[in-house]
């Protein structure tokens, strides 16, 4: 891998993007200095200070842990320019004004370190023109780096070179952005708005145009163009509100100012929509002003009505017939939409046709290949498939002919024909633009493979496009055992990988049996075991549906037996002779959190959500979660100078009783679900690589399981103190009477039951209390009501 070492980063501009880029750097433990203009009043860093304070209030939070805002070093251009000399990377993120950016570059140039990379976070201005004002010695180290908003959550970063950018600069920056910041990189050509915004904003403008053509409301359109269409759940207009209507207007203006009808045959559709003009005039810029296409009033979501220039009742949904159509296979789906007589179906076909048309016409000028366009739309706009992937899946030539017929009939946005390569030659012969050899590059007239950089050796199963026939994790390596619940396999004949296959990776008896079988294999002939699955769910918890039949026939005793087996499995994982590592990505809730807690180490993707959430279904953690909380509190107390166990117990008790979920790996560590020795990985696709190496390193360094020890519990006095707090919460109306009852059950377990404070117990003892509390609650009608409500509606019942 590259030896380019980014020890410190400077971010220039404390606006929305600059401040959030700084926040993400802090999330990734990269030291950062945030610059802005000197404030007119004292202190001169006031602009940056306000921006940093604002980060703490944003939702979703740009910070993994709110307190980390203090780690952002604050600076201004008048007093602190010398600080730039210590920075290895300088990211300019000021307002989208070419003159302002060029003026800033002149000011910072004398302070840039000889090795530092300088990059602009412009969303569409020419990188080459921006570079022209720089000294000759900086030009080879200058490029574009376009983060998407919000930077913490959006995967895409576009890198853009200039004619004078040295190739190794982009390689170094791509390596850093990928592995250290967890982003997915696409290299874009230096054309207006690059790839993602060029295609995405053109698509958004085309959608608004078709909305007008078919007379649909914004809420119906968002319902149609959200998850049902395989796109971001926020749909079209809610996404615009989140991005900011002023930002959207600026990107549109960039297209208007830098393109023409001669350069882009779709130029006529780039006019600023009347509704957008009106909202901007009203100062309604979207989420940042609490009003845009939509406005929240209390619990109601209102939508903007252009005719009256006011907000009216929203919430209208799409016709169910189109919901059913969108579930059909791609080829049938597109045919049904194109042939439908209703406005909603015709609208959907129109926006898909427009997307195919635009992407094909511009592929050769904006991107190196079709794969980069599809990845940009996935990573930058939250689509499950890019336009070329859907086109190819639905039948390349069949869809091409439908689009051509619409163009010829004057139904398309413009009369520009599809390129010749669509209908004949390698693409037509291959049935699409994506093949095992690579993706189509019309400029080169060939399929080009994925770029090879050493950093990508860390990704065993990177994202791939449909048609590439990339190796699937489900079939990779050597299978050691497989059934409907789990696959045990190995990539390197050194570590067993256990991949849970059940829905949401729920943990039932078959999964437990599979994990123990994997552990036996690992202890017999391998260096360790890694529990990993290649999606956004590590495990959503115990399998409630599998539990109900046993409860109906055998009552609480039958459940207690299954719970005992799960608890014993957790202990076997904890005290295994080889290291067991949990590779956690996405959701690790309830039993999934417990499973991770009982392994020797956790390697966790930064964007993971971990917590004990059983209270939501009226239960207590029953797979060793409460025993874990009590043990960890005792261990933490024993290593401190304090004598009182209760302060160390209260954090874990509160997390379980309030069903707190860490909304980042860093927050999960703060809540006690992760330990200091656990590894947090910025890039989701590097998780397995790091986990496998962690298991092997632990084995090679002589890993041994911890000895089984007795530990102290808080006992009756601790239980009385916690109950007092619960009484206050109940009487103050913060929790229900039944929540109070559940909280008392949790307190009873983590305090060790009816014993003296300081009594020594073991995990088996506490797990027995867990089973008793679990059974008590399971037999209660209120808990059964909560379970049924969750299974039927997916939402917790408050009773």
Foldseek 3Di string as FASTA:
>chain_A
DDPLDWQEEEEEALPQASVLVLQLCLQLVRQYEYEYAQDPDPPGLVVNVVSLVVQLVDPVHSHLDNVSSVRHHTYYLPPPLLVQQPGQEYEYEHDPDLVVLLVVQVSNQVNHHLRHAYEYQDQFAFQQSSLPSHPPSHLLRYWYWHAFPPNLPFQEIEIEHYPNHDPVNVLVVCLCCCFSSQHDYAYKYRHGSFFLCVLVLLLLLLLVVLCVVLVHAPQAQLQCQDVLLQFPNRGRFLVQLRRWLVVSVVSLVSCQVRDDCVRPVLNVSSPDDPLSVLCVVVVATHPVVQGHQWHDDPNFIWGADPVVRDTDGDDDYYDVVLSVLSVDFLQSSLVCLVPDDHSVSVSVNQSLLQSLQRCQVCVQPIHQFPFSNFVSCCRRGVGPTGSQLSCLRNWQVVSLVVSQVCLVVVNHSGNDHGDPVSCDDDQVVLSGQAALQAGDRVVVRDGHHDDDDPSCVLFPDDDDGPHNPDDDPVPDAAWPDDDQFWTWGDHPQAEIEIEGRDVLSADFPVSLVVVVVRLVVCLVRHQYYEYDDPDQHSHAYHDVVVVVVQCVVPNLVSVLVRLVSLQVSLQCQQQRFAFYEYLHHHEQEQHSLSSRQSGPAYEYEFQYKYAYQLVLLQFFRQNLLLLSLLVVLQVVCVPDPDDASLVSNVLQLCRRLVGPISRTVVSCCVSPSHDPPHHYTHHSSSRVSVRVVVRNVCSVVPHGRDDFFWTWAQAPVSLVVQLVVLVVCCVVVVADPSSSVNSSLSSCLSRQHHDHGGDTDGSVSSSVSSSVRRSVRVPDVVSVVQVVCCVVPVGGDGD
